[in-house]
Structures are given as C-alpha cells and as structure tokens.
Amino acid sequence: MKIEVEIPVSEGSLDADAKERLRKDLLEAAVLRLFDERRITAVEAQEQLGLTRVAFMELTRQRGVPMYDYALEDWEEDKKALDLLRPEIEKNVGDPGARRLR
C-alpha cells in the first residue's frame, strides 16, 4: 500500500536536496508513528527506512519511541515466575557442579 500526500510549498522554496530531505523526514515520521502504534513490526520499519537493526534501535531511542511494550502486568508476571524459581536458583548458586549460564 502506498499513501501519497500533497504538501503546499511556495514555488522555488525547495531545491532538489531540500525536497529529498523533506521526503526522508516525512517517511521517517510516518514509519515511526506506525511502529509506535504497533501497526508494523520493527523489521518492517527498519526495512522501509533502509536501516540496520542497530541503527533503527538508535533512531527509536533518539525519537523517544519505545522498542518494546513491557507493561506493569508483564513485569508482575515475570516477577511471579522468578519468585517460583527462586528456591531452585538459590540451591544451584551454592552447588559447584550446577550448570552456569554463560
């Protein structure tokens, strides 16, 4: 799908470089909005912008767009799981033969 937008600009106010910068800025803003609303994935967004994963992550950081949705409910669920695992973790911490995560 392609969306075309017409923006009124005074005749001669933009040279070719300015038009390209504006086009790029508008595309970036639109893609970041779609990603922020989770209408597209990070992979789709970075592909549309022609960025690597790391470059896209840096762009979202600079623009204040969260990469992940991690709500309080997610944290509470993770905490419950860790609380259930705590006895096993504590038992293995003192066991020199226990497998360690590397």
N, C-alpha and C. Protein backbone atom coordinates (compact mmCIF):
# COMPACT_ATOMS: atom_id res chain seq x y z
N MET A 1 0.84 -1.17 0.00
CA MET A 1 0.00 0.00 0.00
C MET A 1 0.90 1.24 0.00
N LYS A 2 0.47 2.24 -0.67
CA LYS A 2 1.22 3.47 -0.76
C LYS A 2 0.28 4.64 -0.50
N ILE A 3 0.72 5.58 0.34
CA ILE A 3 -0.06 6.77 0.64
C ILE A 3 0.69 7.96 0.06
N GLU A 4 -0.01 8.75 -0.69
CA GLU A 4 0.58 9.97 -1.24
C GLU A 4 -0.04 11.17 -0.55
N VAL A 5 0.82 12.13 -0.20
CA VAL A 5 0.37 13.33 0.50
C VAL A 5 0.85 14.54 -0.29
N GLU A 6 -0.03 15.49 -0.44
CA GLU A 6 0.34 16.73 -1.13
C GLU A 6 0.52 17.82 -0.08
N ILE A 7 1.71 18.44 -0.10
CA ILE A 7 2.03 19.49 0.87
C ILE A 7 2.24 20.80 0.10
N PRO A 8 1.41 21.79 0.37
CA PRO A 8 1.58 23.06 -0.33
C PRO A 8 2.89 23.74 0.10
N VAL A 9 3.72 24.07 -0.89
CA VAL A 9 5.00 24.74 -0.64
C VAL A 9 5.16 25.84 -1.69
N SER A 10 5.67 26.98 -1.26
CA SER A 10 5.88 28.10 -2.18
C SER A 10 6.80 27.67 -3.32
N GLU A 11 6.47 28.13 -4.51
CA GLU A 11 7.27 27.84 -5.70
C GLU A 11 8.72 28.29 -5.47
N GLY A 12 9.65 27.42 -5.73
CA GLY A 12 11.06 27.75 -5.63
C GLY A 12 11.63 27.74 -4.22
N SER A 13 10.82 27.38 -3.21
CA SER A 13 11.33 27.40 -1.84
C SER A 13 12.16 26.16 -1.51
N LEU A 14 12.03 25.13 -2.33
CA LEU A 14 12.79 23.90 -2.09
C LEU A 14 13.62 23.54 -3.31
N ASP A 15 14.91 23.32 -3.07
CA ASP A 15 15.73 22.78 -4.15
C ASP A 15 15.66 21.25 -4.08
N ALA A 16 16.34 20.56 -4.95
CA ALA A 16 16.27 19.10 -5.01
C ALA A 16 16.74 18.46 -3.70
N ASP A 17 17.80 18.99 -3.10
CA ASP A 17 18.29 18.43 -1.84
C ASP A 17 17.28 18.61 -0.71
N ALA A 18 16.68 19.78 -0.65
CA ALA A 18 15.69 20.06 0.40
C ALA A 18 14.47 19.16 0.22
N LYS A 19 14.04 18.94 -1.02
CA LYS A 19 12.91 18.04 -1.28
C LYS A 19 13.22 16.63 -0.81
N GLU A 20 14.43 16.16 -1.08
CA GLU A 20 14.82 14.81 -0.67
C GLU A 20 14.89 14.70 0.85
N ARG A 21 15.44 15.70 1.52
CA ARG A 21 15.50 15.69 3.00
C ARG A 21 14.10 15.68 3.58
N LEU A 22 13.21 16.49 3.02
CA LEU A 22 11.84 16.54 3.49
C LEU A 22 11.13 15.20 3.27
N ARG A 23 11.32 14.62 2.09
CA ARG A 23 10.74 13.31 1.80
C ARG A 23 11.21 12.27 2.82
N LYS A 24 12.52 12.27 3.09
CA LYS A 24 13.10 11.32 4.04
C LYS A 24 12.55 11.56 5.45
N ASP A 25 12.49 12.82 5.87
CA ASP A 25 11.97 13.15 7.20
C ASP A 25 10.51 12.73 7.36
N LEU A 26 9.71 12.96 6.34
CA LEU A 26 8.28 12.59 6.39
C LEU A 26 8.11 11.07 6.43
N LEU A 27 8.90 10.37 5.63
CA LEU A 27 8.85 8.90 5.64
C LEU A 27 9.23 8.38 7.02
N GLU A 28 10.30 8.93 7.58
CA GLU A 28 10.75 8.50 8.91
C GLU A 28 9.66 8.74 9.95
N ALA A 29 9.05 9.92 9.92
CA ALA A 29 8.00 10.24 10.89
C ALA A 29 6.81 9.29 10.74
N ALA A 30 6.42 9.02 9.51
CA ALA A 30 5.27 8.13 9.28
C ALA A 30 5.57 6.70 9.73
N VAL A 31 6.74 6.21 9.40
CA VAL A 31 7.11 4.84 9.77
C VAL A 31 7.23 4.72 11.29
N LEU A 32 7.84 5.71 11.93
CA LEU A 32 7.94 5.67 13.39
C LEU A 32 6.57 5.73 14.06
N ARG A 33 5.66 6.49 13.50
CA ARG A 33 4.30 6.54 14.05
C ARG A 33 3.63 5.17 13.94
N LEU A 34 3.75 4.55 12.76
CA LEU A 34 3.16 3.22 12.57
C LEU A 34 3.77 2.20 13.51
N PHE A 35 5.09 2.28 13.69
CA PHE A 35 5.75 1.35 14.61
C PHE A 35 5.33 1.62 16.05
N ASP A 36 5.28 2.88 16.45
CA ASP A 36 4.89 3.25 17.81
C ASP A 36 3.48 2.75 18.13
N GLU A 37 2.61 2.76 17.14
CA GLU A 37 1.25 2.26 17.32
C GLU A 37 1.16 0.75 17.12
N ARG A 38 2.29 0.12 16.86
CA ARG A 38 2.44 -1.33 16.64
C ARG A 38 1.58 -1.81 15.46
N ARG A 39 1.48 -0.96 14.45
CA ARG A 39 0.78 -1.34 13.23
C ARG A 39 1.73 -2.05 12.27
N ILE A 40 3.05 -1.83 12.46
CA ILE A 40 4.07 -2.54 11.72
C ILE A 40 5.13 -3.02 12.71
N THR A 41 5.87 -4.05 12.31
CA THR A 41 6.91 -4.59 13.18
C THR A 41 8.19 -3.77 13.05
N ALA A 42 9.12 -4.03 13.96
CA ALA A 42 10.43 -3.38 13.89
C ALA A 42 11.14 -3.74 12.60
N VAL A 43 11.02 -4.99 12.19
CA VAL A 43 11.66 -5.43 10.95
C VAL A 43 11.08 -4.69 9.75
N GLU A 44 9.76 -4.57 9.70
CA GLU A 44 9.13 -3.82 8.60
C GLU A 44 9.57 -2.37 8.61
N ALA A 45 9.62 -1.77 9.79
CA ALA A 45 10.01 -0.36 9.90
C ALA A 45 11.45 -0.16 9.44
N GLN A 46 12.35 -0.99 9.92
CA GLN A 46 13.75 -0.81 9.54
C GLN A 46 13.96 -1.06 8.06
N GLU A 47 13.22 -2.00 7.48
CA GLU A 47 13.33 -2.24 6.04
C GLU A 47 12.82 -1.04 5.24
N GLN A 48 11.69 -0.47 5.67
CA GLN A 48 11.13 0.67 4.96
C GLN A 48 12.06 1.88 5.03
N LEU A 49 12.82 1.98 6.12
CA LEU A 49 13.75 3.10 6.27
C LEU A 49 15.15 2.77 5.76
N GLY A 50 15.38 1.52 5.40
CA GLY A 50 16.69 1.13 4.90
C GLY A 50 17.76 1.15 5.97
N LEU A 51 17.39 0.77 7.20
CA LEU A 51 18.31 0.80 8.32
C LEU A 51 18.62 -0.60 8.82
N THR A 52 19.77 -0.74 9.46
CA THR A 52 20.08 -1.98 10.16
C THR A 52 19.27 -2.02 11.45
N ARG A 53 19.24 -3.17 12.09
CA ARG A 53 18.52 -3.30 13.35
C ARG A 53 19.06 -2.33 14.40
N VAL A 54 20.39 -2.28 14.50
CA VAL A 54 21.01 -1.40 15.49
C VAL A 54 20.73 0.07 15.18
N ALA A 55 20.81 0.44 13.91
CA ALA A 55 20.53 1.83 13.53
C ALA A 55 19.07 2.19 13.82
N PHE A 56 18.15 1.24 13.59
CA PHE A 56 16.74 1.50 13.89
C PHE A 56 16.53 1.65 15.39
N MET A 57 17.19 0.80 16.17
CA MET A 57 17.08 0.91 17.63
C MET A 57 17.59 2.27 18.11
N GLU A 58 18.67 2.75 17.53
CA GLU A 58 19.22 4.05 17.90
C GLU A 58 18.24 5.17 17.50
N LEU A 59 17.64 5.06 16.33
CA LEU A 59 16.67 6.06 15.88
C LEU A 59 15.47 6.12 16.82
N THR A 60 14.94 4.97 17.22
CA THR A 60 13.80 4.96 18.14
C THR A 60 14.19 5.56 19.48
N ARG A 61 15.41 5.30 19.93
CA ARG A 61 15.88 5.88 21.19
C ARG A 61 15.95 7.41 21.07
N GLN A 62 16.51 7.89 19.96
CA GLN A 62 16.64 9.34 19.74
C GLN A 62 15.27 10.02 19.68
N ARG A 63 14.29 9.33 19.10
CA ARG A 63 12.96 9.93 18.91
C ARG A 63 12.00 9.63 20.06
N GLY A 64 12.47 8.88 21.06
CA GLY A 64 11.62 8.58 22.21
C GLY A 64 10.51 7.59 21.93
N VAL A 65 10.73 6.71 20.95
CA VAL A 65 9.75 5.68 20.61
C VAL A 65 10.22 4.37 21.24
N PRO A 66 9.44 3.80 22.16
CA PRO A 66 9.89 2.56 22.81
C PRO A 66 9.96 1.40 21.83
N MET A 67 11.05 0.64 21.92
CA MET A 67 11.23 -0.54 21.07
C MET A 67 10.31 -1.67 21.51
N TYR A 68 10.05 -1.74 22.80
CA TYR A 68 9.29 -2.86 23.35
C TYR A 68 8.13 -2.36 24.19
N ASP A 69 7.05 -3.11 24.18
CA ASP A 69 5.93 -2.84 25.06
C ASP A 69 6.07 -3.76 26.26
N TYR A 70 6.51 -3.22 27.36
CA TYR A 70 6.70 -4.01 28.58
C TYR A 70 5.91 -3.31 29.67
N ALA A 71 4.70 -3.75 29.83
CA ALA A 71 3.77 -3.11 30.77
C ALA A 71 3.99 -3.63 32.19
N LEU A 72 3.40 -2.95 33.13
CA LEU A 72 3.48 -3.36 34.53
C LEU A 72 2.99 -4.79 34.70
N GLU A 73 1.96 -5.16 33.98
CA GLU A 73 1.43 -6.52 34.07
C GLU A 73 2.47 -7.54 33.63
N ASP A 74 3.25 -7.20 32.60
CA ASP A 74 4.32 -8.10 32.14
C ASP A 74 5.36 -8.28 33.24
N TRP A 75 5.74 -7.18 33.87
CA TRP A 75 6.73 -7.24 34.93
C TRP A 75 6.22 -8.08 36.10
N GLU A 76 4.95 -7.89 36.47
CA GLU A 76 4.38 -8.66 37.58
C GLU A 76 4.37 -10.15 37.26
N GLU A 77 4.06 -10.49 36.02
CA GLU A 77 4.06 -11.90 35.61
C GLU A 77 5.48 -12.48 35.66
N ASP A 78 6.45 -11.72 35.18
CA ASP A 78 7.84 -12.17 35.22
C ASP A 78 8.33 -12.32 36.66
N LYS A 79 7.92 -11.39 37.53
CA LYS A 79 8.33 -11.47 38.93
C LYS A 79 7.75 -12.72 39.59
N LYS A 80 6.51 -13.05 39.29
CA LYS A 80 5.90 -14.26 39.85
C LYS A 80 6.69 -15.50 39.42
N ALA A 81 7.06 -15.54 38.14
CA ALA A 81 7.83 -16.68 37.64
C ALA A 81 9.18 -16.78 38.34
N LEU A 82 9.84 -15.64 38.52
CA LEU A 82 11.14 -15.65 39.20
C LEU A 82 10.99 -16.04 40.66
N ASP A 83 9.93 -15.58 41.31
CA ASP A 83 9.69 -15.96 42.70
C ASP A 83 9.50 -17.47 42.83
N LEU A 84 8.82 -18.08 41.85
CA LEU A 84 8.64 -19.53 41.86
C LEU A 84 9.97 -20.26 41.65
N LEU A 85 10.84 -19.68 40.85
CA LEU A 85 12.13 -20.30 40.54
C LEU A 85 13.21 -20.01 41.58
N ARG A 86 12.97 -19.03 42.44
CA ARG A 86 13.99 -18.59 43.40
C ARG A 86 14.60 -19.73 44.21
N PRO A 87 13.81 -20.64 44.80
CA PRO A 87 14.42 -21.71 45.59
C PRO A 87 15.40 -22.56 44.75
N GLU A 88 15.03 -22.86 43.53
CA GLU A 88 15.90 -23.65 42.65
C GLU A 88 17.18 -22.86 42.30
N ILE A 89 17.02 -21.60 42.05
CA ILE A 89 18.18 -20.75 41.72
C ILE A 89 19.12 -20.67 42.92
N GLU A 90 18.57 -20.42 44.09
CA GLU A 90 19.40 -20.31 45.28
C GLU A 90 20.10 -21.63 45.60
N LYS A 91 19.43 -22.74 45.36
CA LYS A 91 20.04 -24.06 45.59
C LYS A 91 21.23 -24.24 44.65
N ASN A 92 21.07 -23.86 43.40
CA ASN A 92 22.13 -24.07 42.41
C ASN A 92 23.28 -23.08 42.54
N VAL A 93 23.04 -21.93 43.13
CA VAL A 93 24.11 -20.95 43.29
C VAL A 93 25.23 -21.52 44.14
N GLY A 94 24.87 -22.25 45.17
CA GLY A 94 25.88 -22.83 46.06
C GLY A 94 26.45 -24.16 45.59
N ASP A 95 25.91 -24.73 44.53
CA ASP A 95 26.34 -26.04 44.03
C ASP A 95 27.44 -25.85 42.98
N PRO A 96 28.70 -26.24 43.30
CA PRO A 96 29.79 -26.05 42.33
C PRO A 96 29.60 -26.88 41.06
N GLY A 97 28.75 -27.90 41.10
CA GLY A 97 28.54 -28.73 39.91
C GLY A 97 27.37 -28.29 39.06
N ALA A 98 26.66 -27.26 39.52
CA ALA A 98 25.49 -26.78 38.76
C ALA A 98 25.94 -26.10 37.47
N ARG A 99 25.13 -26.27 36.46
CA ARG A 99 25.45 -25.60 35.19
C ARG A 99 25.25 -24.10 35.35
N ARG A 100 26.14 -23.34 34.81
CA ARG A 100 26.06 -21.89 34.88
C ARG A 100 25.68 -21.35 33.53
N LEU A 101 24.92 -20.28 33.53
CA LEU A 101 24.61 -19.58 32.28
C LEU A 101 25.82 -18.76 31.90
N ARG A 102 26.17 -18.81 30.66
CA ARG A 102 27.33 -18.04 30.19
C ARG A 102 26.91 -17.02 29.21
